[in-house]
Amino acid sequence: MVLHESREFTDPLLDLMRSLADDGWTVVAPDLFHRANGVVSDQVFGADLVEDFDACFDWLTGHGVFQDCIGVLGFDSAGTAAALVATNRRIGAAISVAAPGIEIPLGPDALALIAAVPQLLSPWLGLFGADDPRTPPDQIDRLRDAAARAVVATLVVTYPGLGHRPDRPGFDPAELDDATLDAQTRIFEWFDSNLR
């Protein structure tokens, strides 16, 4: 399940979803912003996030996908959402890329990641750029320590010299720098090792 932080899918995100499908995964992406009712919201957390996740979860299990074969992936604030889902639901794996809100919650319905990750119920991978001002290295270090207290497998990876998301630009290996290629490889390997 791919969570997204905007109302439309970017080309790199669509490329990722196609690559996951080409690798044999069923890919679903809930519309997290369907409740807007004329109010523009840029984040969905709390009960609304869990409700949208559960709707996709129910659809997947209703189509024969086992609970421990379901994973969730999110980028930026949706990466924070993916981690928070993994503290509320037992699924096969969760991945967060460039997830902000490490020490200060992103909104009134969100927990700070450092407080949430010790409660993880699902294996969690966090990927971060070491030079991202939204996720400072000292906060990532504390997040890594907090995640180590979880009862499930966790891995927090940082990429030195990378200012933000390690998942750009596309999915052509010939066009990727080492950090981007490693991050994309880790996404597939985390799902492969935890969902199959």
Protein backbone atom coordinates (compact mmCIF):
# COMPACT_ATOMS: atom_id res chain seq x y z
CA MET A 1 0.00 0.00 0.00
CA VAL A 2 1.50 3.31 -1.06
CA LEU A 3 0.58 6.36 1.00
CA HIS A 4 1.14 9.73 -0.60
CA GLU A 5 1.51 13.26 0.71
CA SER A 6 -0.17 15.16 -2.13
CA ARG A 7 -3.38 15.03 -4.12
CA GLU A 8 -1.70 13.71 -7.25
CA PHE A 9 0.88 11.09 -8.03
CA THR A 10 4.22 12.34 -9.31
CA ASP A 11 5.93 10.57 -12.19
CA PRO A 12 8.65 9.10 -9.91
CA LEU A 13 5.96 7.74 -7.56
CA LEU A 14 4.05 6.22 -10.48
CA ASP A 15 7.34 4.70 -11.70
CA LEU A 16 7.88 3.17 -8.25
CA MET A 17 4.36 1.77 -8.18
CA ARG A 18 4.86 0.25 -11.66
CA SER A 19 8.19 -1.23 -10.56
CA LEU A 20 6.58 -2.81 -7.51
CA ALA A 21 3.80 -4.22 -9.71
CA ASP A 22 6.38 -5.52 -12.20
CA ASP A 23 8.06 -7.27 -9.26
CA GLY A 24 4.81 -9.14 -8.61
CA TRP A 25 3.18 -6.98 -5.93
CA THR A 26 -0.41 -5.79 -5.95
CA VAL A 27 -0.17 -2.03 -5.44
CA VAL A 28 -2.97 0.05 -3.96
CA ALA A 29 -2.91 3.73 -3.01
CA PRO A 30 -5.77 5.15 -0.97
CA ASP A 31 -7.00 8.68 -1.61
CA LEU A 32 -6.08 10.13 1.76
CA PHE A 33 -7.66 13.48 0.94
CA HIS A 34 -11.20 12.44 0.05
CA ARG A 35 -12.62 14.03 3.20
CA ALA A 36 -11.49 17.58 2.36
CA ASN A 37 -15.07 18.92 2.11
CA GLY A 38 -13.74 22.11 0.55
CA VAL A 39 -10.96 22.46 3.12
CA VAL A 40 -7.46 21.90 1.77
CA SER A 41 -5.52 19.54 4.01
CA ASP A 42 -1.96 18.52 3.32
CA GLN A 43 -1.74 15.73 5.91
CA VAL A 44 -3.90 12.87 7.10
CA PHE A 45 -3.20 11.28 10.48
CA GLY A 46 -5.14 9.83 13.39
CA ALA A 47 -8.44 8.05 12.94
CA ASP A 48 -8.82 9.18 9.31
CA LEU A 49 -5.47 7.62 8.35
CA VAL A 50 -6.30 4.35 10.11
CA GLU A 51 -9.75 4.27 8.49
CA ASP A 52 -8.27 4.72 4.99
CA PHE A 53 -5.58 2.13 5.68
CA ASP A 54 -8.17 -0.33 6.99
CA ALA A 55 -10.34 0.13 3.87
CA CYS A 56 -7.40 -0.85 1.63
CA PHE A 57 -6.38 -3.60 4.05
CA ASP A 58 -9.89 -5.06 3.94
CA TRP A 59 -9.91 -4.87 0.14
CA LEU A 60 -6.56 -6.66 -0.09
CA THR A 61 -7.44 -9.41 2.40
CA GLY A 62 -10.82 -9.76 0.69
CA HIS A 63 -8.92 -10.52 -2.51
CA GLY A 64 -6.83 -13.25 -0.90
CA VAL A 65 -3.78 -11.32 0.31
CA PHE A 66 -2.60 -12.54 3.71
CA GLN A 67 -2.21 -9.95 6.47
CA ASP A 68 1.52 -10.62 6.84
CA CYS A 69 1.98 -10.12 3.08
CA ILE A 70 0.74 -6.52 3.23
CA GLY A 71 3.26 -3.69 3.41
CA VAL A 72 2.94 0.08 3.59
CA LEU A 73 5.27 2.65 2.03
CA GLY A 74 5.23 6.43 2.35
CA PHE A 75 7.37 9.42 1.46
CA ASP A 76 7.74 12.69 3.41
CA SER A 77 4.70 13.23 5.67
CA ALA A 78 3.19 10.04 4.22
CA GLY A 79 6.37 8.31 5.43
CA THR A 80 5.49 9.51 8.90
CA ALA A 81 1.98 8.17 8.33
CA ALA A 82 3.38 4.77 7.25
CA ALA A 83 5.37 4.49 10.48
CA LEU A 84 2.34 5.47 12.55
CA VAL A 85 0.21 2.84 10.77
CA ALA A 86 2.85 0.27 11.71
CA THR A 87 2.38 1.19 15.38
CA ASN A 88 -1.37 0.50 15.13
CA ARG A 89 -1.62 -2.48 12.78
CA ARG A 90 0.20 -5.80 12.47
CA ILE A 91 1.25 -6.11 8.84
CA GLY A 92 4.24 -7.60 7.08
CA ALA A 93 6.39 -4.47 6.71
CA ALA A 94 6.45 -0.68 6.69
CA ILE A 95 8.85 1.74 4.98
CA SER A 96 9.22 5.47 5.57
CA VAL A 97 11.30 7.67 3.28
CA ALA A 98 12.38 11.16 4.47
CA ALA A 99 9.73 11.10 7.22
CA PRO A 100 9.64 14.38 9.17
CA GLY A 101 8.11 14.84 12.60
CA ILE A 102 10.83 12.95 14.43
CA GLU A 103 10.70 14.97 17.65
CA ILE A 104 7.77 17.34 17.06
CA PRO A 105 4.45 15.89 15.82
CA LEU A 106 3.37 17.03 12.37
CA GLY A 107 -0.15 17.75 13.54
CA PRO A 108 -2.62 17.33 16.37
CA ASP A 109 -3.51 13.79 15.25
CA ALA A 110 0.09 12.62 14.83
CA LEU A 111 2.65 11.40 17.32
CA ALA A 112 6.30 12.36 17.14
CA LEU A 113 8.11 9.42 15.53
CA ILE A 114 10.58 9.16 18.40
CA ALA A 115 7.64 8.48 20.77
CA ALA A 116 5.84 6.18 18.35
CA VAL A 117 8.50 3.80 17.00
CA PRO A 118 9.15 1.88 20.25
CA GLN A 119 5.52 0.71 19.86
CA LEU A 120 5.97 -0.65 16.31
CA LEU A 121 3.96 -3.80 15.62
CA SER A 122 5.39 -4.33 12.13
CA PRO A 123 8.97 -4.44 10.79
CA TRP A 124 9.98 -0.88 9.85
CA LEU A 125 12.62 0.58 7.55
CA GLY A 126 13.40 4.32 7.68
CA LEU A 127 15.45 5.95 4.90
CA PHE A 128 16.81 9.48 5.38
CA GLY A 129 19.15 11.97 3.75
CA ALA A 130 21.82 12.90 6.31
CA ASP A 131 21.76 16.54 5.18
CA ASP A 132 17.98 17.01 5.16
CA PRO A 133 17.12 20.03 7.36
CA ARG A 134 13.69 18.49 8.13
CA THR A 135 15.37 15.39 9.60
CA PRO A 136 18.62 16.47 11.32
CA PRO A 137 21.26 13.77 11.95
CA ASP A 138 21.04 14.06 15.76
CA GLN A 139 17.27 13.46 15.58
CA ILE A 140 17.80 10.49 13.26
CA ASP A 141 20.29 9.04 15.77
CA ARG A 142 17.72 9.35 18.57
CA LEU A 143 15.06 7.86 16.29
CA ARG A 144 17.34 4.90 15.55
CA ASP A 145 17.82 4.35 19.31
CA ALA A 146 14.06 4.58 19.93
CA ALA A 147 13.28 2.15 17.09
CA ALA A 148 15.76 -0.34 18.55
CA ARG A 149 13.40 -0.69 21.54
CA ALA A 150 10.61 -2.07 19.34
CA VAL A 151 9.77 -5.77 19.48
CA VAL A 152 9.99 -6.06 15.67
CA ALA A 153 12.86 -5.67 13.23
CA THR A 154 13.81 -2.06 12.49
CA LEU A 155 16.47 -0.45 10.35
CA VAL A 156 17.22 3.26 10.01
CA VAL A 157 19.54 4.17 7.13
CA THR A 158 21.04 7.59 6.41
CA TYR A 159 22.76 8.71 3.24
CA PRO A 160 25.63 11.20 3.75
CA GLY A 161 25.60 14.14 1.37
CA LEU A 162 21.95 13.65 0.50
CA GLY A 163 19.79 16.69 1.21
CA HIS A 164 16.37 15.09 1.03
CA ARG A 165 14.73 11.99 -0.40
CA PRO A 166 16.98 9.15 -1.54
CA ASP A 167 14.39 7.87 -4.01
CA ARG A 168 14.81 10.28 -6.92
CA PRO A 169 14.87 10.77 -9.90
CA GLY A 170 13.43 7.67 -11.62
CA PHE A 171 13.87 3.95 -11.77
CA ASP A 172 16.38 3.57 -14.59
CA PRO A 173 19.50 2.19 -12.82
CA ALA A 174 21.74 3.91 -15.37
CA GLU A 175 20.48 7.31 -14.18
CA LEU A 176 20.77 6.76 -10.42
CA ASP A 177 23.49 7.89 -8.05
CA ASP A 178 24.73 5.42 -5.44
CA ALA A 179 22.47 6.69 -2.62
CA THR A 180 19.35 6.60 -4.75
CA LEU A 181 20.12 3.15 -6.12
CA ASP A 182 20.83 1.84 -2.62
CA ALA A 183 17.59 3.33 -1.25
CA GLN A 184 15.50 1.86 -4.03
CA THR A 185 17.18 -1.51 -3.61
CA ARG A 186 16.49 -1.44 0.13
CA ILE A 187 12.78 -0.74 -0.47
CA PHE A 188 12.45 -3.86 -2.61
CA GLU A 189 14.65 -5.97 -0.32
CA TRP A 190 12.71 -4.94 2.82
CA PHE A 191 9.46 -6.01 1.21
CA ASP A 192 11.02 -9.18 -0.24
CA SER A 193 12.50 -10.25 3.10
CA ASN A 194 9.46 -9.41 5.22
CA LEU A 195 6.48 -10.11 2.97
CA ARG A 196 7.42 -13.28 1.10
